[in-house]
């Protein structure tokens, strides 16, 4: 049952990732905290494990087939990937140094900020 629940979380994150470009932090991390009782750092680490695999590859192929990805998109994506590579390292170091409660609260503030910006 646990594996099925994890698979459903993955499918949900994958659907939202394909539709909106979100999944790990917005779906997987909260689901692991609320449904599986993980602390914030463990949930983030588990999400990163899932994202290490080429989870976006099939989505990228579909967008490419439909003509929605051009050369500029590829270069933008590669530049972002390089930043993610470095940022994930430093972000993990920072997250590990914080308490789980503090990290969870910071994440909540971040989500509220994003929601307000998207609403306007």
PDB file of N, CA and C in Angstrom:
ATOM      1  N   UNK A   1       0.822  -1.203   0.000  1.00  0.00           N
ATOM      2  CA  UNK A   1       0.000   0.000   0.000  1.00  0.00           C
ATOM      3  C   UNK A   1       0.862   1.261   0.000  1.00  0.00           C
ATOM      4  N   UNK A   2       1.963   1.219   0.758  1.00  0.00           N
ATOM      5  CA  UNK A   2       2.848   2.373   0.819  1.00  0.00           C
ATOM      6  C   UNK A   2       3.458   2.658  -0.553  1.00  0.00           C
ATOM      7  N   UNK A   3       3.887   1.614  -1.258  1.00  0.00           N
ATOM      8  CA  UNK A   3       4.458   1.815  -2.588  1.00  0.00           C
ATOM      9  C   UNK A   3       3.432   2.398  -3.552  1.00  0.00           C
ATOM     10  N   UNK A   4       2.188   1.956  -3.449  1.00  0.00           N
ATOM     11  CA  UNK A   4       1.130   2.502  -4.300  1.00  0.00           C
ATOM     12  C   UNK A   4       0.914   3.985  -3.991  1.00  0.00           C
ATOM     13  N   UNK A   5       0.902   4.341  -2.716  1.00  0.00           N
ATOM     14  CA  UNK A   5       0.749   5.749  -2.333  1.00  0.00           C
ATOM     15  C   UNK A   5       1.898   6.595  -2.876  1.00  0.00           C
ATOM     16  N   UNK A   6       3.110   6.074  -2.765  1.00  0.00           N
ATOM     17  CA  UNK A   6       4.268   6.798  -3.291  1.00  0.00           C
ATOM     18  C   UNK A   6       4.178   6.944  -4.809  1.00  0.00           C
ATOM     19  N   UNK A   7       3.723   5.891  -5.483  1.00  0.00           N
ATOM     20  CA  UNK A   7       3.550   5.942  -6.933  1.00  0.00           C
ATOM     21  C   UNK A   7       2.516   7.001  -7.317  1.00  0.00           C
ATOM     22  N   UNK A   8       1.424   7.063  -6.573  1.00  0.00           N
ATOM     23  CA  UNK A   8       0.380   8.058  -6.850  1.00  0.00           C
ATOM     24  C   UNK A   8       0.915   9.469  -6.633  1.00  0.00           C
ATOM     25  N   UNK A   9       1.718   9.662  -5.588  1.00  0.00           N
ATOM     26  CA  UNK A   9       2.363  10.965  -5.385  1.00  0.00           C
ATOM     27  C   UNK A   9       3.229  11.299  -6.592  1.00  0.00           C
ATOM     28  N   UNK A  10       3.983  10.327  -7.074  1.00  0.00           N
ATOM     29  CA  UNK A  10       4.831  10.541  -8.245  1.00  0.00           C
ATOM     30  C   UNK A  10       4.043  10.885  -9.489  1.00  0.00           C
ATOM     31  N   UNK A  11       2.933  10.179  -9.711  1.00  0.00           N
ATOM     32  CA  UNK A  11       2.083  10.467 -10.879  1.00  0.00           C
ATOM     33  C   UNK A  11       1.517  11.882 -10.772  1.00  0.00           C
ATOM     34  N   UNK A  12       1.039  12.240  -9.584  1.00  0.00           N
ATOM     35  CA  UNK A  12       0.488  13.590  -9.387  1.00  0.00           C
ATOM     36  C   UNK A  12       1.551  14.647  -9.640  1.00  0.00           C
ATOM     37  N   UNK A  13       2.734  14.448  -9.066  1.00  0.00           N
ATOM     38  CA  UNK A  13       3.827  15.397  -9.279  1.00  0.00           C
ATOM     39  C   UNK A  13       4.222  15.455 -10.750  1.00  0.00           C
ATOM     40  N   UNK A  14       4.225  14.307 -11.410  1.00  0.00           N
ATOM     41  CA  UNK A  14       4.561  14.267 -12.831  1.00  0.00           C
ATOM     42  C   UNK A  14       3.545  15.001 -13.683  1.00  0.00           C
ATOM     43  N   UNK A  15       2.250  14.796 -13.382  1.00  0.00           N
ATOM     44  CA  UNK A  15       1.207  15.503 -14.120  1.00  0.00           C
ATOM     45  C   UNK A  15       1.346  17.019 -13.951  1.00  0.00           C
ATOM     46  N   UNK A  16       1.513  17.453 -12.702  1.00  0.00           N
ATOM     47  CA  UNK A  16       1.633  18.891 -12.458  1.00  0.00           C
ATOM     48  C   UNK A  16       2.945  19.447 -13.008  1.00  0.00           C
ATOM     49  N   UNK A  17       3.985  18.640 -13.003  1.00  0.00           N
ATOM     50  CA  UNK A  17       5.252  19.066 -13.589  1.00  0.00           C
ATOM     51  C   UNK A  17       5.103  19.266 -15.092  1.00  0.00           C
ATOM     52  N   UNK A  18       4.423  18.337 -15.730  1.00  0.00           N
ATOM     53  CA  UNK A  18       4.195  18.462 -17.168  1.00  0.00           C
ATOM     54  C   UNK A  18       3.290  19.621 -17.522  1.00  0.00           C
ATOM     55  N   UNK A  19       2.333  19.912 -16.653  1.00  0.00           N
ATOM     56  CA  UNK A  19       1.377  20.992 -16.927  1.00  0.00           C
ATOM     57  C   UNK A  19       1.910  22.359 -16.520  1.00  0.00           C
ATOM     58  N   UNK A  20       2.531  22.447 -15.347  1.00  0.00           N
ATOM     59  CA  UNK A  20       2.889  23.745 -14.777  1.00  0.00           C
ATOM     60  C   UNK A  20       4.378  23.916 -14.488  1.00  0.00           C
ATOM     61  N   UNK A  21       5.169  22.852 -14.617  1.00  0.00           N
ATOM     62  CA  UNK A  21       6.592  22.955 -14.296  1.00  0.00           C
ATOM     63  C   UNK A  21       6.879  22.845 -12.810  1.00  0.00           C
ATOM     64  N   UNK A  22       5.935  22.307 -12.039  1.00  0.00           N
ATOM     65  CA  UNK A  22       6.134  22.124 -10.597  1.00  0.00           C
ATOM     66  C   UNK A  22       5.947  20.649 -10.257  1.00  0.00           C
ATOM     67  N   UNK A  23       6.430  20.244  -9.137  1.00  0.00           N
ATOM     68  CA  UNK A  23       6.231  18.858  -8.736  1.00  0.00           C
ATOM     69  C   UNK A  23       6.957  18.529  -7.451  1.00  0.00           C
ATOM     70  N   UNK A  24       8.278  18.645  -7.463  1.00  0.00           N
ATOM     71  CA  UNK A  24       9.071  18.246  -6.303  1.00  0.00           C
ATOM     72  C   UNK A  24       8.729  18.980  -5.032  1.00  0.00           C
ATOM     73  N   UNK A  25       8.958  20.265  -5.022  1.00  0.00           N
ATOM     74  CA  UNK A  25       8.749  21.040  -3.806  1.00  0.00           C
ATOM     75  C   UNK A  25       7.300  21.281  -3.464  1.00  0.00           C
ATOM     76  N   UNK A  26       6.463  21.365  -4.468  1.00  0.00           N
ATOM     77  CA  UNK A  26       5.071  21.730  -4.235  1.00  0.00           C
ATOM     78  C   UNK A  26       4.198  20.508  -3.946  1.00  0.00           C
ATOM     79  N   UNK A  27       4.521  19.373  -4.507  1.00  0.00           N
ATOM     80  CA  UNK A  27       3.692  18.181  -4.345  1.00  0.00           C
ATOM     81  C   UNK A  27       4.403  17.120  -3.499  1.00  0.00           C
ATOM     82  N   UNK A  28       5.574  16.715  -3.919  1.00  0.00           N
ATOM     83  CA  UNK A  28       6.245  15.586  -3.278  1.00  0.00           C
ATOM     84  C   UNK A  28       6.610  15.894  -1.831  1.00  0.00           C
ATOM     85  N   UNK A  29       7.250  17.020  -1.592  1.00  0.00           N
ATOM     86  CA  UNK A  29       7.704  17.333  -0.233  1.00  0.00           C
ATOM     87  C   UNK A  29       6.535  17.421   0.750  1.00  0.00           C
ATOM     88  N   UNK A  30       5.493  18.221   0.466  1.00  0.00           N
ATOM     89  CA  UNK A  30       4.372  18.243   1.421  1.00  0.00           C
ATOM     90  C   UNK A  30       3.702  16.875   1.596  1.00  0.00           C
ATOM     91  N   UNK A  31       3.588  16.106   0.529  1.00  0.00           N
ATOM     92  CA  UNK A  31       2.957  14.789   0.636  1.00  0.00           C
ATOM     93  C   UNK A  31       3.769  13.879   1.557  1.00  0.00           C
ATOM     94  N   UNK A  32       5.084  13.912   1.426  1.00  0.00           N
ATOM     95  CA  UNK A  32       5.913  13.074   2.286  1.00  0.00           C
ATOM     96  C   UNK A  32       5.847  13.513   3.741  1.00  0.00           C
ATOM     97  N   UNK A  33       5.741  14.822   3.969  1.00  0.00           N
ATOM     98  CA  UNK A  33       5.639  15.333   5.342  1.00  0.00           C
ATOM     99  C   UNK A  33       4.287  14.950   5.941  1.00  0.00           C
ATOM    100  N   UNK A  34       3.199  15.207   5.226  1.00  0.00           N
ATOM    101  CA  UNK A  34       1.863  15.002   5.775  1.00  0.00           C
ATOM    102  C   UNK A  34       1.399  13.549   5.738  1.00  0.00           C
ATOM    103  N   UNK A  35       1.690  12.832   4.682  1.00  0.00           N
ATOM    104  CA  UNK A  35       1.193  11.465   4.549  1.00  0.00           C
ATOM    105  C   UNK A  35       2.116  10.408   5.150  1.00  0.00           C
ATOM    106  N   UNK A  36       3.425  10.713   5.165  1.00  0.00           N
ATOM    107  CA  UNK A  36       4.379   9.716   5.644  1.00  0.00           C
ATOM    108  C   UNK A  36       5.117  10.158   6.902  1.00  0.00           C
ATOM    109  N   UNK A  37       4.800  11.345   7.407  1.00  0.00           N
ATOM    110  CA  UNK A  37       5.384  11.806   8.657  1.00  0.00           C
ATOM    111  C   UNK A  37       6.871  12.091   8.608  1.00  0.00           C
ATOM    112  N   UNK A  38       7.405  12.330   7.429  1.00  0.00           N
ATOM    113  CA  UNK A  38       8.831  12.645   7.323  1.00  0.00           C
ATOM    114  C   UNK A  38       9.096  14.047   7.848  1.00  0.00           C
ATOM    115  N   UNK A  39      10.301  14.263   8.344  1.00  0.00           N
ATOM    116  CA  UNK A  39      10.664  15.636   8.667  1.00  0.00           C
ATOM    117  C   UNK A  39      11.010  16.346   7.363  1.00  0.00           C
ATOM    118  N   UNK A  40      11.105  17.660   7.422  1.00  0.00           N
ATOM    119  CA  UNK A  40      11.265  18.456   6.214  1.00  0.00           C
ATOM    120  C   UNK A  40      12.535  18.078   5.435  1.00  0.00           C
ATOM    121  N   UNK A  41      13.654  17.903   6.139  1.00  0.00           N
ATOM    122  CA  UNK A  41      14.902  17.575   5.448  1.00  0.00           C
ATOM    123  C   UNK A  41      14.822  16.216   4.747  1.00  0.00           C
ATOM    124  N   UNK A  42      14.255  15.223   5.406  1.00  0.00           N
ATOM    125  CA  UNK A  42      14.124  13.904   4.785  1.00  0.00           C
ATOM    126  C   UNK A  42      13.214  13.952   3.565  1.00  0.00           C
ATOM    127  N   UNK A  43      12.142  14.733   3.649  1.00  0.00           N
ATOM    128  CA  UNK A  43      11.225  14.855   2.520  1.00  0.00           C
ATOM    129  C   UNK A  43      11.904  15.535   1.333  1.00  0.00           C
ATOM    130  N   UNK A  44      12.680  16.579   1.617  1.00  0.00           N
ATOM    131  CA  UNK A  44      13.405  17.268   0.541  1.00  0.00           C
ATOM    132  C   UNK A  44      14.417  16.330  -0.103  1.00  0.00           C
ATOM    133  N   UNK A  45      15.152  15.605   0.731  1.00  0.00           N
ATOM    134  CA  UNK A  45      16.156  14.675   0.207  1.00  0.00           C
ATOM    135  C   UNK A  45      15.505  13.589  -0.650  1.00  0.00           C
ATOM    136  N   UNK A  46      14.366  13.062  -0.198  1.00  0.00           N
ATOM    137  CA  UNK A  46      13.662  12.033  -0.964  1.00  0.00           C
ATOM    138  C   UNK A  46      13.170  12.587  -2.295  1.00  0.00           C
ATOM    139  N   UNK A  47      12.670  13.819  -2.289  1.00  0.00           N
ATOM    140  CA  UNK A  47      12.236  14.454  -3.535  1.00  0.00           C
ATOM    141  C   UNK A  47      13.406  14.602  -4.499  1.00  0.00           C
ATOM    142  N   UNK A  48      14.558  14.992  -3.989  1.00  0.00           N
ATOM    143  CA  UNK A  48      15.741  15.140  -4.847  1.00  0.00           C
ATOM    144  C   UNK A  48      16.172  13.798  -5.430  1.00  0.00           C
ATOM    145  N   UNK A  49      16.049  12.728  -4.643  1.00  0.00           N
ATOM    146  CA  UNK A  49      16.367  11.394  -5.169  1.00  0.00           C
ATOM    147  C   UNK A  49      15.472  11.086  -6.366  1.00  0.00           C
ATOM    148  N   UNK A  50      14.181  11.362  -6.212  1.00  0.00           N
ATOM    149  CA  UNK A  50      13.237  11.095  -7.303  1.00  0.00           C
ATOM    150  C   UNK A  50      13.556  11.936  -8.532  1.00  0.00           C
ATOM    151  N   UNK A  51      13.991  13.167  -8.302  1.00  0.00           N
ATOM    152  CA  UNK A  51      14.249  14.075  -9.418  1.00  0.00           C
ATOM    153  C   UNK A  51      15.590  13.827 -10.097  1.00  0.00           C
ATOM    154  N   UNK A  52      16.459  13.030  -9.477  1.00  0.00           N
ATOM    155  CA  UNK A  52      17.743  12.733 -10.098  1.00  0.00           C
ATOM    156  C   UNK A  52      17.576  11.993 -11.423  1.00  0.00           C
ATOM    157  N   UNK A  53      16.574  11.151 -11.477  1.00  0.00           N
ATOM    158  CA  UNK A  53      16.316  10.423 -12.715  1.00  0.00           C
ATOM    159  C   UNK A  53      15.771  11.403 -13.751  1.00  0.00           C
ATOM    160  N   UNK A  54      15.876  11.076 -15.009  1.00  0.00           N
ATOM    161  CA  UNK A  54      15.385  12.000 -16.051  1.00  0.00           C
ATOM    162  C   UNK A  54      13.863  12.034 -16.115  1.00  0.00           C
ATOM    163  N   UNK A  55      13.245  12.483 -15.009  1.00  0.00           N
ATOM    164  CA  UNK A  55      11.786  12.455 -14.919  1.00  0.00           C
ATOM    165  C   UNK A  55      11.110  13.369 -15.923  1.00  0.00           C
ATOM    166  N   UNK A  56      11.778  14.405 -16.353  1.00  0.00           N
ATOM    167  CA  UNK A  56      11.158  15.337 -17.281  1.00  0.00           C
ATOM    168  C   UNK A  56      11.351  14.966 -18.733  1.00  0.00           C
ATOM    169  N   UNK A  57      12.101  13.915 -19.015  1.00  0.00           N
ATOM    170  CA  UNK A  57      12.457  13.579 -20.387  1.00  0.00           C
ATOM    171  C   UNK A  57      11.244  13.366 -21.286  1.00  0.00           C
ATOM    172  N   UNK A  58      10.279  12.578 -20.841  1.00  0.00           N
ATOM    173  CA  UNK A  58       9.104  12.323 -21.687  1.00  0.00           C
ATOM    174  C   UNK A  58       8.286  13.591 -21.899  1.00  0.00           C
ATOM    175  N   UNK A  59       8.194  14.433 -20.870  1.00  0.00           N
ATOM    176  CA  UNK A  59       7.503  15.711 -21.025  1.00  0.00           C
ATOM    177  C   UNK A  59       8.192  16.593 -22.043  1.00  0.00           C
ATOM    178  N   UNK A  60       9.521  16.657 -21.976  1.00  0.00           N
ATOM    179  CA  UNK A  60      10.294  17.452 -22.933  1.00  0.00           C
ATOM    180  C   UNK A  60      10.084  16.937 -24.351  1.00  0.00           C
ATOM    181  N   UNK A  61      10.084  15.627 -24.513  1.00  0.00           N
ATOM    182  CA  UNK A  61       9.876  15.041 -25.844  1.00  0.00           C
ATOM    183  C   UNK A  61       8.516  15.455 -26.407  1.00  0.00           C
ATOM    184  N   UNK A  62       7.478  15.420 -25.582  1.00  0.00           N
ATOM    185  CA  UNK A  62       6.146  15.805 -26.049  1.00  0.00           C
ATOM    186  C   UNK A  62       6.083  17.283 -26.419  1.00  0.00           C
ATOM    187  N   UNK A  63       6.690  18.142 -25.595  1.00  0.00           N
ATOM    188  CA  UNK A  63       6.713  19.566 -25.926  1.00  0.00           C
ATOM    189  C   UNK A  63       7.518  19.810 -27.202  1.00  0.00           C
ATOM    190  N   UNK A  64       8.610  19.083 -27.387  1.00  0.00           N
ATOM    191  CA  UNK A  64       9.418  19.217 -28.599  1.00  0.00           C
ATOM    192  C   UNK A  64       8.620  18.771 -29.825  1.00  0.00           C
ATOM    193  N   UNK A  65       7.953  17.639 -29.721  1.00  0.00           N
ATOM    194  CA  UNK A  65       7.141  17.119 -30.842  1.00  0.00           C
ATOM    195  C   UNK A  65       6.050  18.091 -31.262  1.00  0.00           C
ATOM    196  N   UNK A  66       5.521  18.840 -30.295  1.00  0.00           N
ATOM    197  CA  UNK A  66       4.443  19.769 -30.615  1.00  0.00           C
ATOM    198  C   UNK A  66       4.973  21.124 -31.082  1.00  0.00           C
ATOM    199  N   UNK A  67       6.298  21.272 -31.156  1.00  0.00           N
ATOM    200  CA  UNK A  67       6.884  22.516 -31.640  1.00  0.00           C
ATOM    201  C   UNK A  67       6.960  23.620 -30.599  1.00  0.00           C
ATOM    202  N   UNK A  68       6.799  23.274 -29.341  1.00  0.00           N
ATOM    203  CA  UNK A  68       6.802  24.283 -28.277  1.00  0.00           C
ATOM    204  C   UNK A  68       8.197  24.544 -27.710  1.00  0.00           C
ATOM    205  N   UNK A  69       9.192  23.774 -28.126  1.00  0.00           N
ATOM    206  CA  UNK A  69      10.560  23.965 -27.641  1.00  0.00           C
ATOM    207  C   UNK A  69      11.441  24.361 -28.814  1.00  0.00           C
ATOM    208  N   UNK A  70      12.062  25.523 -28.696  1.00  0.00           N
ATOM    209  CA  UNK A  70      12.998  25.988 -29.709  1.00  0.00           C
ATOM    210  C   UNK A  70      14.408  25.994 -29.149  1.00  0.00           C
ATOM    211  N   UNK A  71      15.355  26.426 -29.972  1.00  0.00           N
ATOM    212  CA  UNK A  71      16.758  26.473 -29.558  1.00  0.00           C
ATOM    213  C   UNK A  71      16.946  27.318 -28.317  1.00  0.00           C
ATOM    214  N   UNK A  72      16.246  28.453 -28.246  1.00  0.00           N
ATOM    215  CA  UNK A  72      16.375  29.317 -27.072  1.00  0.00           C
ATOM    216  C   UNK A  72      15.932  28.591 -25.809  1.00  0.00           C
ATOM    217  N   UNK A  73      14.837  27.824 -25.895  1.00  0.00           N
ATOM    218  CA  UNK A  73      14.362  27.068 -24.734  1.00  0.00           C
ATOM    219  C   UNK A  73      15.420  26.079 -24.248  1.00  0.00           C
ATOM    220  N   UNK A  74      16.083  25.424 -25.177  1.00  0.00           N
ATOM    221  CA  UNK A  74      17.108  24.442 -24.810  1.00  0.00           C
ATOM    222  C   UNK A  74      18.242  25.118 -24.057  1.00  0.00           C
ATOM    223  N   UNK A  75      18.727  26.248 -24.568  1.00  0.00           N
ATOM    224  CA  UNK A  75      19.822  26.955 -23.892  1.00  0.00           C
ATOM    225  C   UNK A  75      19.377  27.499 -22.541  1.00  0.00           C
ATOM    226  N   UNK A  76      18.163  28.019 -22.480  1.00  0.00           N
ATOM    227  CA  UNK A  76      17.639  28.493 -21.195  1.00  0.00           C
ATOM    228  C   UNK A  76      17.591  27.335 -20.189  1.00  0.00           C
ATOM    229  N   UNK A  77      17.056  26.206 -20.637  1.00  0.00           N
ATOM    230  CA  UNK A  77      16.945  25.036 -19.762  1.00  0.00           C
ATOM    231  C   UNK A  77      18.294  24.532 -19.287  1.00  0.00           C
ATOM    232  N   UNK A  78      19.285  24.515 -20.178  1.00  0.00           N
ATOM    233  CA  UNK A  78      20.625  24.067 -19.788  1.00  0.00           C
ATOM    234  C   UNK A  78      21.272  25.026 -18.799  1.00  0.00           C
ATOM    235  N   UNK A  79      21.054  26.314 -18.993  1.00  0.00           N
ATOM    236  CA  UNK A  79      21.607  27.303 -18.054  1.00  0.00           C
ATOM    237  C   UNK A  79      20.956  27.149 -16.682  1.00  0.00           C
ATOM    238  N   UNK A  80      19.647  26.935 -16.670  1.00  0.00           N
ATOM    239  CA  UNK A  80      18.947  26.713 -15.407  1.00  0.00           C
ATOM    240  C   UNK A  80      19.458  25.431 -14.750  1.00  0.00           C
ATOM    241  N   UNK A  81      19.667  24.370 -15.541  1.00  0.00           N
ATOM    242  CA  UNK A  81      20.168  23.104 -15.001  1.00  0.00           C
ATOM    243  C   UNK A  81      21.529  23.294 -14.336  1.00  0.00           C
ATOM    244  N   UNK A  82      22.394  24.096 -14.951  1.00  0.00           N
ATOM    245  CA  UNK A  82      23.703  24.365 -14.344  1.00  0.00           C
ATOM    246  C   UNK A  82      23.530  25.075 -13.006  1.00  0.00           C
ATOM    247  N   UNK A  83      22.595  26.023 -12.956  1.00  0.00           N
ATOM    248  CA  UNK A  83      22.315  26.705 -11.700  1.00  0.00           C
ATOM    249  C   UNK A  83      21.722  25.766 -10.669  1.00  0.00           C
ATOM    250  N   UNK A  84      20.841  24.879 -11.103  1.00  0.00           N
ATOM    251  CA  UNK A  84      20.258  23.891 -10.194  1.00  0.00           C
ATOM    252  C   UNK A  84      21.328  22.992  -9.589  1.00  0.00           C
ATOM    253  N   UNK A  85      22.292  22.637 -10.400  1.00  0.00           N
ATOM    254  CA  UNK A  85      23.381  21.766  -9.947  1.00  0.00           C
ATOM    255  C   UNK A  85      24.097  22.388  -8.757  1.00  0.00           C
ATOM    256  N   UNK A  86      24.478  23.648  -8.909  1.00  0.00           N
ATOM    257  CA  UNK A  86      25.173  24.350  -7.819  1.00  0.00           C
ATOM    258  C   UNK A  86      24.209  24.715  -6.696  1.00  0.00           C
ATOM    259  N   UNK A  87      23.036  25.213  -7.051  1.00  0.00           N
ATOM    260  CA  UNK A  87      22.071  25.652  -6.051  1.00  0.00           C
ATOM    261  C   UNK A  87      21.590  24.525  -5.155  1.00  0.00           C
ATOM    262  N   UNK A  88      21.398  23.332  -5.713  1.00  0.00           N
ATOM    263  CA  UNK A  88      20.942  22.192  -4.906  1.00  0.00           C
ATOM    264  C   UNK A  88      21.981  21.833  -3.845  1.00  0.00           C
ATOM    265  N   UNK A  89      23.247  21.943  -4.199  1.00  0.00           N
ATOM    266  CA  UNK A  89      24.318  21.647  -3.239  1.00  0.00           C
ATOM    267  C   UNK A  89      24.279  22.625  -2.069  1.00  0.00           C
ATOM    268  N   UNK A  90      24.273  23.915  -2.388  1.00  0.00           N
ATOM    269  CA  UNK A  90      24.280  24.925  -1.332  1.00  0.00           C
ATOM    270  C   UNK A  90      22.953  24.970  -0.573  1.00  0.00           C
ATOM    271  N   UNK A  91      21.851  24.744  -1.276  1.00  0.00           N
ATOM    272  CA  UNK A  91      20.548  24.698  -0.617  1.00  0.00           C
ATOM    273  C   UNK A  91      20.458  23.541   0.363  1.00  0.00           C
ATOM    274  N   UNK A  92      21.005  22.391  -0.015  1.00  0.00           N
ATOM    275  CA  UNK A  92      21.006  21.234   0.884  1.00  0.00           C
ATOM    276  C   UNK A  92      21.847  21.521   2.120  1.00  0.00           C
ATOM    277  N   UNK A  93      22.995  22.138   1.925  1.00  0.00           N
ATOM    278  CA  UNK A  93      23.845  22.476   3.084  1.00  0.00           C
ATOM    279  C   UNK A  93      23.119  23.415   4.036  1.00  0.00           C
ATOM    280  N   UNK A  94      22.430  24.414   3.482  1.00  0.00           N
ATOM    281  CA  UNK A  94      21.683  25.358   4.316  1.00  0.00           C
ATOM    282  C   UNK A  94      20.518  24.654   5.021  1.00  0.00           C
ATOM    283  N   UNK A  95      19.756  23.844   4.284  1.00  0.00           N
ATOM    284  CA  UNK A  95      18.599  23.157   4.858  1.00  0.00           C
ATOM    285  C   UNK A  95      19.002  22.227   5.997  1.00  0.00           C
ATOM    286  N   UNK A  96      20.117  21.556   5.851  1.00  0.00           N
ATOM    287  CA  UNK A  96      20.592  20.642   6.891  1.00  0.00           C
ATOM    288  C   UNK A  96      20.938  21.397   8.166  1.00  0.00           C
ATOM    289  N   UNK A  97      21.378  22.643   8.021  1.00  0.00           N
ATOM    290  CA  UNK A  97      21.788  23.420   9.198  1.00  0.00           C
ATOM    291  C   UNK A  97      20.600  24.010   9.964  1.00  0.00           C
ATOM    292  N   UNK A  98      19.402  23.984   9.372  1.00  0.00           N
ATOM    293  CA  UNK A  98      18.212  24.551  10.009  1.00  0.00           C
ATOM    294  C   UNK A  98      17.410  23.462  10.709  1.00  0.00           C
ATOM    295  N   UNK A  99      16.595  23.860  11.672  1.00  0.00           N
ATOM    296  CA  UNK A  99      15.685  22.893  12.292  1.00  0.00           C
ATOM    297  C   UNK A  99      14.580  22.558  11.292  1.00  0.00           C
ATOM    298  N   UNK A 100      13.993  21.384  11.463  1.00  0.00           N
ATOM    299  CA  UNK A 100      12.909  20.970  10.570  1.00  0.00           C
ATOM    300  C   UNK A 100      11.733  21.943  10.651  1.00  0.00           C
ATOM    301  N   UNK A 101      11.419  22.415  11.864  1.00  0.00           N
ATOM    302  CA  UNK A 101      10.317  23.371  12.025  1.00  0.00           C
ATOM    303  C   UNK A 101      10.601  24.679  11.292  1.00  0.00           C
ATOM    304  N   UNK A 102      11.807  25.186  11.427  1.00  0.00           N
ATOM    305  CA  UNK A 102      12.170  26.441  10.760  1.00  0.00           C
ATOM    306  C   UNK A 102      12.111  26.275   9.247  1.00  0.00           C
ATOM    307  N   UNK A 103      12.616  25.181   8.742  1.00  0.00           N
ATOM    308  CA  UNK A 103      12.610  24.934   7.302  1.00  0.00           C
ATOM    309  C   UNK A 103      11.183  24.812   6.777  1.00  0.00           C
ATOM    310  N   UNK A 104      10.319  24.115   7.521  1.00  0.00           N
ATOM    311  CA  UNK A 104       8.915  23.968   7.115  1.00  0.00           C
ATOM    312  C   UNK A 104       8.225  25.324   7.075  1.00  0.00           C
ATOM    313  N   UNK A 105       8.482  26.163   8.061  1.00  0.00           N
ATOM    314  CA  UNK A 105       7.873  27.498   8.087  1.00  0.00           C
ATOM    315  C   UNK A 105       8.383  28.367   6.942  1.00  0.00           C
ATOM    316  N   UNK A 106       9.663  28.295   6.666  1.00  0.00           N
ATOM    317  CA  UNK A 106      10.230  29.059   5.539  1.00  0.00           C
ATOM    318  C   UNK A 106       9.595  28.615   4.223  1.00  0.00           C
ATOM    319  N   UNK A 107       9.391  27.314   4.081  1.00  0.00           N
ATOM    320  CA  UNK A 107       8.764  26.769   2.883  1.00  0.00           C
ATOM    321  C   UNK A 107       7.334  27.278   2.749  1.00  0.00           C
ATOM    322  N   UNK A 108       6.601  27.316   3.855  1.00  0.00           N
ATOM    323  CA  UNK A 108       5.221  27.814   3.842  1.00  0.00           C
ATOM    324  C   UNK A 108       5.178  29.282   3.422  1.00  0.00           C
ATOM    325  N   UNK A 109       6.088  30.094   3.942  1.00  0.00           N
ATOM    326  CA  UNK A 109       6.150  31.513   3.570  1.00  0.00           C
ATOM    327  C   UNK A 109       6.452  31.637   2.076  1.00  0.00           C
ATOM    328  N   UNK A 110       7.362  30.819   1.585  1.00  0.00           N
ATOM    329  CA  UNK A 110       7.699  30.829   0.160  1.00  0.00           C
ATOM    330  C   UNK A 110       6.469  30.511  -0.688  1.00  0.00           C
ATOM    331  N   UNK A 111       5.710  29.478  -0.309  1.00  0.00           N
ATOM    332  CA  UNK A 111       4.517  29.107  -1.083  1.00  0.00           C
ATOM    333  C   UNK A 111       3.464  30.211  -1.063  1.00  0.00           C
ATOM    334  N   UNK A 112       3.279  30.859   0.092  1.00  0.00           N
ATOM    335  CA  UNK A 112       2.321  31.970   0.172  1.00  0.00           C
ATOM    336  C   UNK A 112       2.768  33.101  -0.740  1.00  0.00           C
ATOM    337  N   UNK A 113       4.050  33.438  -0.713  1.00  0.00           N
ATOM    338  CA  UNK A 113       4.579  34.494  -1.577  1.00  0.00           C
ATOM    339  C   UNK A 113       4.324  34.166  -3.056  1.00  0.00           C
ATOM    340  N   UNK A 114       4.606  32.940  -3.448  1.00  0.00           N
ATOM    341  CA  UNK A 114       4.390  32.529  -4.845  1.00  0.00           C
ATOM    342  C   UNK A 114       2.906  32.616  -5.193  1.00  0.00           C
ATOM    343  N   UNK A 115       2.040  32.167  -4.302  1.00  0.00           N
ATOM    344  CA  UNK A 115       0.596  32.209  -4.553  1.00  0.00           C
ATOM    345  C   UNK A 115       0.116  33.648  -4.734  1.00  0.00           C
ATOM    346  N   UNK A 116       0.581  34.550  -3.889  1.00  0.00           N
ATOM    347  CA  UNK A 116       0.178  35.965  -4.009  1.00  0.00           C
ATOM    348  C   UNK A 116       0.655  36.545  -5.326  1.00  0.00           C
ATOM    349  N   UNK A 117       1.886  36.248  -5.712  1.00  0.00           N
ATOM    350  CA  UNK A 117       2.421  36.775  -6.980  1.00  0.00           C
ATOM    351  C   UNK A 117       1.647  36.225  -8.172  1.00  0.00           C
ATOM    352  N   UNK A 118       1.266  34.958  -8.119  1.00  0.00           N
ATOM    353  CA  UNK A 118       0.522  34.365  -9.224  1.00  0.00           C
ATOM    354  C   UNK A 118      -0.908  34.876  -9.303  1.00  0.00           C
ATOM    355  N   UNK A 119      -1.491  35.228  -8.163  1.00  0.00           N
ATOM    356  CA  UNK A 119      -2.870  35.695  -8.116  1.00  0.00           C
ATOM    357  C   UNK A 119      -3.022  37.024  -8.836  1.00  0.00           C
ATOM    358  N   UNK A 120      -2.050  37.897  -8.709  1.00  0.00           N
ATOM    359  CA  UNK A 120      -2.132  39.258  -9.310  1.00  0.00           C
ATOM    360  C   UNK A 120      -1.747  39.258 -10.755  1.00  0.00           C
TER     361      UNK A 120
END
